[in-house]
All heavy atoms as atom14 arrays in JSON, in Angstrom:
{
  "sequence": "MTAAADRALPVVAPQGDFDMQIAPSLSMELLTAADGVGGVV",
  "atom14_mask": [
    [1, 1, 1, 1, 1, 1, 1, 1, 0, 0, 0, 0, 0, 0],
    [1, 1, 1, 1, 1, 1, 1, 0, 0, 0, 0, 0, 0, 0],
    [1, 1, 1, 1, 1, 0, 0, 0, 0, 0, 0, 0, 0, 0],
    [1, 1, 1, 1, 1, 0, 0, 0, 0, 0, 0, 0, 0, 0],
    [1, 1, 1, 1, 1, 0, 0, 0, 0, 0, 0, 0, 0, 0],
    [1, 1, 1, 1, 1, 1, 1, 1, 0, 0, 0, 0, 0, 0],
    [1, 1, 1, 1, 1, 1, 1, 1, 1, 1, 1, 0, 0, 0],
    [1, 1, 1, 1, 1, 0, 0, 0, 0, 0, 0, 0, 0, 0],
    [1, 1, 1, 1, 1, 1, 1, 1, 0, 0, 0, 0, 0, 0],
    [1, 1, 1, 1, 1, 1, 1, 0, 0, 0, 0, 0, 0, 0],
    [1, 1, 1, 1, 1, 1, 1, 0, 0, 0, 0, 0, 0, 0],
    [1, 1, 1, 1, 1, 1, 1, 0, 0, 0, 0, 0, 0, 0],
    [1, 1, 1, 1, 1, 0, 0, 0, 0, 0, 0, 0, 0, 0],
    [1, 1, 1, 1, 1, 1, 1, 0, 0, 0, 0, 0, 0, 0],
    [1, 1, 1, 1, 1, 1, 1, 1, 1, 0, 0, 0, 0, 0],
    [1, 1, 1, 1, 0, 0, 0, 0, 0, 0, 0, 0, 0, 0],
    [1, 1, 1, 1, 1, 1, 1, 1, 0, 0, 0, 0, 0, 0],
    [1, 1, 1, 1, 1, 1, 1, 1, 1, 1, 1, 0, 0, 0],
    [1, 1, 1, 1, 1, 1, 1, 1, 0, 0, 0, 0, 0, 0],
    [1, 1, 1, 1, 1, 1, 1, 1, 0, 0, 0, 0, 0, 0],
    [1, 1, 1, 1, 1, 1, 1, 1, 1, 0, 0, 0, 0, 0],
    [1, 1, 1, 1, 1, 1, 1, 1, 0, 0, 0, 0, 0, 0],
    [1, 1, 1, 1, 1, 0, 0, 0, 0, 0, 0, 0, 0, 0],
    [1, 1, 1, 1, 1, 1, 1, 0, 0, 0, 0, 0, 0, 0],
    [1, 1, 1, 1, 1, 1, 0, 0, 0, 0, 0, 0, 0, 0],
    [1, 1, 1, 1, 1, 1, 1, 1, 0, 0, 0, 0, 0, 0],
    [1, 1, 1, 1, 1, 1, 0, 0, 0, 0, 0, 0, 0, 0],
    [1, 1, 1, 1, 1, 1, 1, 1, 0, 0, 0, 0, 0, 0],
    [1, 1, 1, 1, 1, 1, 1, 1, 1, 0, 0, 0, 0, 0],
    [1, 1, 1, 1, 1, 1, 1, 1, 0, 0, 0, 0, 0, 0],
    [1, 1, 1, 1, 1, 1, 1, 1, 0, 0, 0, 0, 0, 0],
    [1, 1, 1, 1, 1, 1, 1, 0, 0, 0, 0, 0, 0, 0],
    [1, 1, 1, 1, 1, 0, 0, 0, 0, 0, 0, 0, 0, 0],
    [1, 1, 1, 1, 1, 0, 0, 0, 0, 0, 0, 0, 0, 0],
    [1, 1, 1, 1, 1, 1, 1, 1, 0, 0, 0, 0, 0, 0],
    [1, 1, 1, 1, 0, 0, 0, 0, 0, 0, 0, 0, 0, 0],
    [1, 1, 1, 1, 1, 1, 1, 0, 0, 0, 0, 0, 0, 0],
    [1, 1, 1, 1, 0, 0, 0, 0, 0, 0, 0, 0, 0, 0],
    [1, 1, 1, 1, 0, 0, 0, 0, 0, 0, 0, 0, 0, 0],
    [1, 1, 1, 1, 1, 1, 1, 0, 0, 0, 0, 0, 0, 0],
    [1, 1, 1, 1, 1, 1, 1, 0, 0, 0, 0, 0, 0, 0]
  ],
  "atom14_positions": [
    [[41.43, -12.81, 56.15], [40.68, -11.65, 56.7], [39.27, -11.94, 56.69], [38.72, -12.62, 55.87], [40.91, -10.34, 56.05], [42.31, -9.84, 56.21], [42.49, -8.26, 55.31], [42.88, -8.89, 53.71], [0.0, 0.0, 0.0], [0.0, 0.0, 0.0], [0.0, 0.0, 0.0], [0.0, 0.0, 0.0], [0.0, 0.0, 0.0], [0.0, 0.0, 0.0]],
    [[38.5, -11.55, 57.79], [37.1, -11.87, 57.88], [36.4, -10.67, 58.19], [36.89, -9.75, 59.04], [36.77, -13.02, 58.87], [37.28, -12.53, 60.18], [37.43, -14.39, 58.52], [0.0, 0.0, 0.0], [0.0, 0.0, 0.0], [0.0, 0.0, 0.0], [0.0, 0.0, 0.0], [0.0, 0.0, 0.0], [0.0, 0.0, 0.0], [0.0, 0.0, 0.0]],
    [[35.3, -10.52, 57.64], [34.39, -9.22, 57.88], [33.05, -9.76, 58.48], [32.46, -10.68, 57.87], [34.23, -8.45, 56.63], [0.0, 0.0, 0.0], [0.0, 0.0, 0.0], [0.0, 0.0, 0.0], [0.0, 0.0, 0.0], [0.0, 0.0, 0.0], [0.0, 0.0, 0.0], [0.0, 0.0, 0.0], [0.0, 0.0, 0.0], [0.0, 0.0, 0.0]],
    [[32.64, -9.22, 59.53], [31.3, -9.46, 59.98], [30.48, -8.31, 59.98], [30.7, -7.28, 60.4], [31.38, -9.94, 61.53], [0.0, 0.0, 0.0], [0.0, 0.0, 0.0], [0.0, 0.0, 0.0], [0.0, 0.0, 0.0], [0.0, 0.0, 0.0], [0.0, 0.0, 0.0], [0.0, 0.0, 0.0], [0.0, 0.0, 0.0], [0.0, 0.0, 0.0]],
    [[29.25, -8.51, 59.41], [28.38, -7.34, 59.13], [27.06, -7.35, 59.8], [26.17, -6.65, 59.55], [28.0, -7.31, 57.62], [0.0, 0.0, 0.0], [0.0, 0.0, 0.0], [0.0, 0.0, 0.0], [0.0, 0.0, 0.0], [0.0, 0.0, 0.0], [0.0, 0.0, 0.0], [0.0, 0.0, 0.0], [0.0, 0.0, 0.0], [0.0, 0.0, 0.0]],
    [[27.01, -8.3, 60.9], [25.72, -8.41, 61.72], [25.77, -7.32, 62.95], [24.89, -7.51, 63.74], [25.73, -9.8, 62.17], [26.86, -10.23, 63.03], [27.88, -9.62, 63.0], [26.63, -11.16, 63.81], [0.0, 0.0, 0.0], [0.0, 0.0, 0.0], [0.0, 0.0, 0.0], [0.0, 0.0, 0.0], [0.0, 0.0, 0.0], [0.0, 0.0, 0.0]],
    [[26.59, -6.29, 62.84], [26.64, -5.37, 64.02], [26.29, -4.04, 63.44], [26.21, -3.96, 62.12], [28.04, -5.4, 64.65], [28.33, -6.8, 65.28], [29.82, -6.71, 65.86], [30.04, -7.88, 66.57], [30.9, -8.88, 65.97], [31.22, -8.81, 64.69], [31.05, -9.93, 66.72], [0.0, 0.0, 0.0], [0.0, 0.0, 0.0], [0.0, 0.0, 0.0]],
    [[26.21, -3.06, 64.21], [25.95, -1.63, 63.72], [27.06, -1.19, 62.75], [26.66, -0.7, 61.68], [25.87, -0.64, 64.85], [0.0, 0.0, 0.0], [0.0, 0.0, 0.0], [0.0, 0.0, 0.0], [0.0, 0.0, 0.0], [0.0, 0.0, 0.0], [0.0, 0.0, 0.0], [0.0, 0.0, 0.0], [0.0, 0.0, 0.0], [0.0, 0.0, 0.0]],
    [[28.21, -1.44, 62.95], [29.38, -1.31, 62.1], [29.94, -2.6, 61.76], [30.08, -3.43, 62.63], [30.48, -0.26, 62.62], [30.1, 1.12, 62.8], [31.29, 1.91, 63.44], [29.73, 1.8, 61.44], [0.0, 0.0, 0.0], [0.0, 0.0, 0.0], [0.0, 0.0, 0.0], [0.0, 0.0, 0.0], [0.0, 0.0, 0.0], [0.0, 0.0, 0.0]],
    [[30.38, -2.73, 60.46], [31.0, -4.0, 60.18], [32.32, -4.23, 60.8], [32.98, -3.08, 61.13], [31.21, -4.0, 58.54], [31.09, -2.53, 58.26], [30.3, -1.87, 59.3], [0.0, 0.0, 0.0], [0.0, 0.0, 0.0], [0.0, 0.0, 0.0], [0.0, 0.0, 0.0], [0.0, 0.0, 0.0], [0.0, 0.0, 0.0], [0.0, 0.0, 0.0]],
    [[32.8, -5.39, 61.02], [34.01, -5.59, 61.74], [34.93, -6.49, 60.79], [34.48, -7.47, 60.25], [33.93, -6.52, 63.08], [35.17, -6.92, 63.59], [32.96, -5.76, 63.97], [0.0, 0.0, 0.0], [0.0, 0.0, 0.0], [0.0, 0.0, 0.0], [0.0, 0.0, 0.0], [0.0, 0.0, 0.0], [0.0, 0.0, 0.0], [0.0, 0.0, 0.0]],
    [[36.17, -5.94, 60.57], [37.19, -6.58, 59.85], [38.21, -7.14, 60.8], [38.76, -6.43, 61.66], [37.82, -5.82, 58.73], [39.01, -6.49, 58.04], [36.8, -5.26, 57.69], [0.0, 0.0, 0.0], [0.0, 0.0, 0.0], [0.0, 0.0, 0.0], [0.0, 0.0, 0.0], [0.0, 0.0, 0.0], [0.0, 0.0, 0.0], [0.0, 0.0, 0.0]],
    [[38.49, -8.51, 60.8], [39.42, -9.09, 61.74], [40.53, -9.85, 61.03], [40.51, -11.15, 60.9], [38.69, -10.0, 62.69], [0.0, 0.0, 0.0], [0.0, 0.0, 0.0], [0.0, 0.0, 0.0], [0.0, 0.0, 0.0], [0.0, 0.0, 0.0], [0.0, 0.0, 0.0], [0.0, 0.0, 0.0], [0.0, 0.0, 0.0], [0.0, 0.0, 0.0]],
    [[41.56, -9.15, 60.53], [42.59, -9.86, 59.88], [43.52, -10.74, 60.87], [43.56, -10.39, 62.12], [43.49, -8.71, 59.23], [43.19, -7.6, 60.15], [41.77, -7.76, 60.71], [0.0, 0.0, 0.0], [0.0, 0.0, 0.0], [0.0, 0.0, 0.0], [0.0, 0.0, 0.0], [0.0, 0.0, 0.0], [0.0, 0.0, 0.0], [0.0, 0.0, 0.0]],
    [[44.04, -11.72, 60.29], [45.0, -12.46, 61.15], [46.36, -12.65, 60.42], [46.37, -12.9, 59.23], [44.36, -13.93, 61.13], [42.96, -14.1, 61.87], [43.04, -13.71, 63.25], [43.75, -14.34, 63.92], [42.12, -13.0, 63.64], [0.0, 0.0, 0.0], [0.0, 0.0, 0.0], [0.0, 0.0, 0.0], [0.0, 0.0, 0.0], [0.0, 0.0, 0.0]],
    [[47.36, -12.56, 61.19], [48.72, -12.85, 60.65], [49.5, -11.54, 60.45], [49.26, -10.59, 60.89], [0.0, 0.0, 0.0], [0.0, 0.0, 0.0], [0.0, 0.0, 0.0], [0.0, 0.0, 0.0], [0.0, 0.0, 0.0], [0.0, 0.0, 0.0], [0.0, 0.0, 0.0], [0.0, 0.0, 0.0], [0.0, 0.0, 0.0], [0.0, 0.0, 0.0]],
    [[50.56, -11.71, 59.53], [51.42, -10.71, 59.17], [50.96, -9.89, 58.04], [50.48, -10.41, 57.0], [52.82, -11.28, 58.74], [53.5, -12.0, 59.91], [53.11, -11.84, 61.05], [54.53, -12.58, 59.65], [0.0, 0.0, 0.0], [0.0, 0.0, 0.0], [0.0, 0.0, 0.0], [0.0, 0.0, 0.0], [0.0, 0.0, 0.0], [0.0, 0.0, 0.0]],
    [[51.09, -8.54, 58.13], [50.75, -7.53, 57.1], [51.83, -6.77, 56.67], [52.34, -6.09, 57.54], [49.45, -6.82, 57.62], [48.2, -7.67, 57.6], [48.04, -8.44, 58.71], [47.4, -7.75, 56.46], [46.9, -9.34, 58.76], [46.23, -8.57, 56.51], [45.96, -9.33, 57.65], [0.0, 0.0, 0.0], [0.0, 0.0, 0.0], [0.0, 0.0, 0.0]],
    [[52.13, -6.78, 55.45], [53.35, -6.04, 54.92], [52.96, -5.37, 53.66], [51.75, -5.31, 53.18], [54.65, -6.88, 54.69], [54.3, -8.09, 53.71], [53.32, -8.0, 52.99], [55.2, -8.94, 53.74], [0.0, 0.0, 0.0], [0.0, 0.0, 0.0], [0.0, 0.0, 0.0], [0.0, 0.0, 0.0], [0.0, 0.0, 0.0], [0.0, 0.0, 0.0]],
    [[53.93, -4.8, 52.81], [53.53, -4.01, 51.71], [52.79, -4.82, 50.54], [52.01, -4.39, 49.71], [54.79, -3.38, 51.07], [55.81, -4.4, 50.59], [57.37, -3.56, 50.07], [56.83, -3.08, 48.36], [0.0, 0.0, 0.0], [0.0, 0.0, 0.0], [0.0, 0.0, 0.0], [0.0, 0.0, 0.0], [0.0, 0.0, 0.0], [0.0, 0.0, 0.0]],
    [[52.9, -6.15, 50.63], [52.25, -7.04, 49.72], [50.82, -7.29, 49.99], [49.92, -7.32, 49.24], [52.98, -8.35, 49.51], [54.33, -8.09, 48.93], [55.11, -9.49, 48.72], [54.87, -10.47, 49.54], [56.05, -9.55, 47.85], [0.0, 0.0, 0.0], [0.0, 0.0, 0.0], [0.0, 0.0, 0.0], [0.0, 0.0, 0.0], [0.0, 0.0, 0.0]],
    [[50.47, -7.28, 51.28], [49.1, -7.64, 51.73], [48.35, -6.32, 52.1], [47.13, -6.32, 52.14], [49.24, -8.51, 52.95], [49.93, -9.89, 52.54], [47.79, -8.93, 53.51], [50.3, -10.83, 53.56], [0.0, 0.0, 0.0], [0.0, 0.0, 0.0], [0.0, 0.0, 0.0], [0.0, 0.0, 0.0], [0.0, 0.0, 0.0], [0.0, 0.0, 0.0]],
    [[49.03, -5.26, 52.55], [48.35, -4.12, 53.01], [47.33, -3.56, 52.04], [46.25, -3.11, 52.48], [49.41, -2.89, 53.32], [0.0, 0.0, 0.0], [0.0, 0.0, 0.0], [0.0, 0.0, 0.0], [0.0, 0.0, 0.0], [0.0, 0.0, 0.0], [0.0, 0.0, 0.0], [0.0, 0.0, 0.0], [0.0, 0.0, 0.0], [0.0, 0.0, 0.0]],
    [[47.54, -3.41, 50.72], [46.49, -3.02, 49.79], [45.13, -3.92, 49.98], [44.09, -3.27, 49.81], [47.01, -3.11, 48.44], [48.5, -3.08, 48.62], [48.68, -3.79, 50.07], [0.0, 0.0, 0.0], [0.0, 0.0, 0.0], [0.0, 0.0, 0.0], [0.0, 0.0, 0.0], [0.0, 0.0, 0.0], [0.0, 0.0, 0.0], [0.0, 0.0, 0.0]],
    [[45.3, -5.13, 50.15], [44.01, -5.91, 50.32], [43.29, -5.57, 51.64], [42.26, -5.67, 51.72], [44.4, -7.32, 50.27], [45.08, -7.85, 51.25], [0.0, 0.0, 0.0], [0.0, 0.0, 0.0], [0.0, 0.0, 0.0], [0.0, 0.0, 0.0], [0.0, 0.0, 0.0], [0.0, 0.0, 0.0], [0.0, 0.0, 0.0], [0.0, 0.0, 0.0]],
    [[44.15, -5.24, 52.64], [43.49, -4.83, 53.97], [42.72, -3.44, 53.65], [41.64, -3.36, 54.2], [44.58, -4.75, 55.02], [44.15, -4.19, 56.34], [42.99, -4.97, 57.02], [45.21, -3.96, 57.34], [0.0, 0.0, 0.0], [0.0, 0.0, 0.0], [0.0, 0.0, 0.0], [0.0, 0.0, 0.0], [0.0, 0.0, 0.0], [0.0, 0.0, 0.0]],
    [[43.4, -2.56, 53.04], [42.81, -1.33, 52.87], [41.52, -1.46, 52.03], [40.48, -0.87, 52.43], [43.84, -0.37, 52.05], [43.21, 0.86, 51.83], [0.0, 0.0, 0.0], [0.0, 0.0, 0.0], [0.0, 0.0, 0.0], [0.0, 0.0, 0.0], [0.0, 0.0, 0.0], [0.0, 0.0, 0.0], [0.0, 0.0, 0.0], [0.0, 0.0, 0.0]],
    [[41.59, -2.39, 51.02], [40.37, -2.59, 50.19], [39.18, -3.2, 50.99], [38.05, -2.9, 50.88], [40.63, -3.42, 49.01], [39.61, -3.89, 48.13], [38.95, -2.44, 47.2], [40.16, -2.38, 45.96], [0.0, 0.0, 0.0], [0.0, 0.0, 0.0], [0.0, 0.0, 0.0], [0.0, 0.0, 0.0], [0.0, 0.0, 0.0], [0.0, 0.0, 0.0]],
    [[39.52, -4.06, 51.8], [38.54, -4.83, 52.6], [37.81, -3.82, 53.64], [36.75, -3.86, 53.89], [39.11, -5.98, 53.39], [37.99, -6.71, 54.13], [38.34, -8.17, 54.61], [39.48, -8.58, 54.25], [37.44, -8.75, 55.27], [0.0, 0.0, 0.0], [0.0, 0.0, 0.0], [0.0, 0.0, 0.0], [0.0, 0.0, 0.0], [0.0, 0.0, 0.0]],
    [[38.7, -2.91, 54.23], [38.2, -2.08, 55.25], [37.29, -0.93, 54.56], [36.15, -0.82, 54.92], [39.27, -1.21, 55.85], [40.14, -2.05, 56.93], [41.4, -1.35, 57.25], [39.26, -2.37, 58.12], [0.0, 0.0, 0.0], [0.0, 0.0, 0.0], [0.0, 0.0, 0.0], [0.0, 0.0, 0.0], [0.0, 0.0, 0.0], [0.0, 0.0, 0.0]],
    [[37.7, -0.52, 53.38], [36.9, 0.39, 52.69], [35.62, -0.1, 52.1], [34.5, 0.42, 52.11], [37.6, 1.13, 51.54], [38.73, 2.07, 52.06], [39.63, 2.54, 50.99], [38.13, 3.25, 52.79], [0.0, 0.0, 0.0], [0.0, 0.0, 0.0], [0.0, 0.0, 0.0], [0.0, 0.0, 0.0], [0.0, 0.0, 0.0], [0.0, 0.0, 0.0]],
    [[35.69, -1.34, 51.67], [34.54, -2.07, 50.97], [33.54, -2.3, 52.16], [32.34, -2.14, 52.03], [34.97, -3.41, 50.42], [35.74, -3.16, 49.39], [33.7, -4.2, 49.97], [0.0, 0.0, 0.0], [0.0, 0.0, 0.0], [0.0, 0.0, 0.0], [0.0, 0.0, 0.0], [0.0, 0.0, 0.0], [0.0, 0.0, 0.0], [0.0, 0.0, 0.0]],
    [[33.98, -2.69, 53.37], [33.08, -3.06, 54.45], [32.39, -1.77, 54.96], [31.26, -1.77, 55.34], [33.93, -3.68, 55.65], [0.0, 0.0, 0.0], [0.0, 0.0, 0.0], [0.0, 0.0, 0.0], [0.0, 0.0, 0.0], [0.0, 0.0, 0.0], [0.0, 0.0, 0.0], [0.0, 0.0, 0.0], [0.0, 0.0, 0.0], [0.0, 0.0, 0.0]],
    [[33.12, -0.62, 54.97], [32.64, 0.62, 55.37], [31.6, 1.2, 54.5], [30.79, 2.07, 54.76], [33.7, 1.62, 55.6], [0.0, 0.0, 0.0], [0.0, 0.0, 0.0], [0.0, 0.0, 0.0], [0.0, 0.0, 0.0], [0.0, 0.0, 0.0], [0.0, 0.0, 0.0], [0.0, 0.0, 0.0], [0.0, 0.0, 0.0], [0.0, 0.0, 0.0]],
    [[31.72, 0.91, 53.08], [30.8, 1.43, 52.07], [29.3, 1.32, 52.42], [28.82, 0.21, 52.64], [31.03, 0.71, 50.64], [30.43, 1.43, 49.53], [30.47, 2.72, 49.62], [30.1, 0.61, 48.63], [0.0, 0.0, 0.0], [0.0, 0.0, 0.0], [0.0, 0.0, 0.0], [0.0, 0.0, 0.0], [0.0, 0.0, 0.0], [0.0, 0.0, 0.0]],
    [[28.7, 2.44, 52.43], [27.25, 2.51, 52.58], [26.95, 2.56, 54.17], [25.79, 2.79, 54.43], [0.0, 0.0, 0.0], [0.0, 0.0, 0.0], [0.0, 0.0, 0.0], [0.0, 0.0, 0.0], [0.0, 0.0, 0.0], [0.0, 0.0, 0.0], [0.0, 0.0, 0.0], [0.0, 0.0, 0.0], [0.0, 0.0, 0.0], [0.0, 0.0, 0.0]],
    [[27.78, 2.37, 55.12], [27.49, 2.26, 56.47], [28.19, 3.37, 57.25], [27.88, 3.68, 58.38], [27.6, 0.89, 57.13], [26.69, -0.08, 56.62], [29.01, 0.5, 57.02], [0.0, 0.0, 0.0], [0.0, 0.0, 0.0], [0.0, 0.0, 0.0], [0.0, 0.0, 0.0], [0.0, 0.0, 0.0], [0.0, 0.0, 0.0], [0.0, 0.0, 0.0]],
    [[29.11, 4.03, 56.59], [29.81, 5.13, 57.28], [30.86, 4.84, 58.21], [31.46, 5.73, 58.87], [0.0, 0.0, 0.0], [0.0, 0.0, 0.0], [0.0, 0.0, 0.0], [0.0, 0.0, 0.0], [0.0, 0.0, 0.0], [0.0, 0.0, 0.0], [0.0, 0.0, 0.0], [0.0, 0.0, 0.0], [0.0, 0.0, 0.0], [0.0, 0.0, 0.0]],
    [[31.28, 3.52, 58.33], [32.38, 3.21, 59.23], [32.8, 1.84, 59.27], [31.96, 1.0, 58.69], [0.0, 0.0, 0.0], [0.0, 0.0, 0.0], [0.0, 0.0, 0.0], [0.0, 0.0, 0.0], [0.0, 0.0, 0.0], [0.0, 0.0, 0.0], [0.0, 0.0, 0.0], [0.0, 0.0, 0.0], [0.0, 0.0, 0.0], [0.0, 0.0, 0.0]],
    [[33.84, 1.48, 59.88], [34.29, 0.1, 60.02], [35.16, 0.01, 61.34], [35.69, 0.89, 61.7], [35.09, -0.25, 58.87], [36.24, 0.47, 58.71], [35.33, -1.86, 58.74], [0.0, 0.0, 0.0], [0.0, 0.0, 0.0], [0.0, 0.0, 0.0], [0.0, 0.0, 0.0], [0.0, 0.0, 0.0], [0.0, 0.0, 0.0], [0.0, 0.0, 0.0]],
    [[35.06, -1.24, 61.89], [35.82, -1.5, 63.1], [36.94, -2.58, 62.61], [36.65, -3.63, 62.0], [35.01, -2.12, 64.22], [35.94, -2.53, 65.35], [33.98, -1.19, 64.53], [0.0, 0.0, 0.0], [0.0, 0.0, 0.0], [0.0, 0.0, 0.0], [0.0, 0.0, 0.0], [0.0, 0.0, 0.0], [0.0, 0.0, 0.0], [0.0, 0.0, 0.0]]
  ]
}
């Protein structure tokens, strides 16, 4: 997964398959990216 923070809202752009083993890391990345800026794409 990659996050870009050079825009008004950060962008998280995951690649590939996401299942119950990987979903928690996606959630964590989205919430971390949104922290302090109020949103995430």
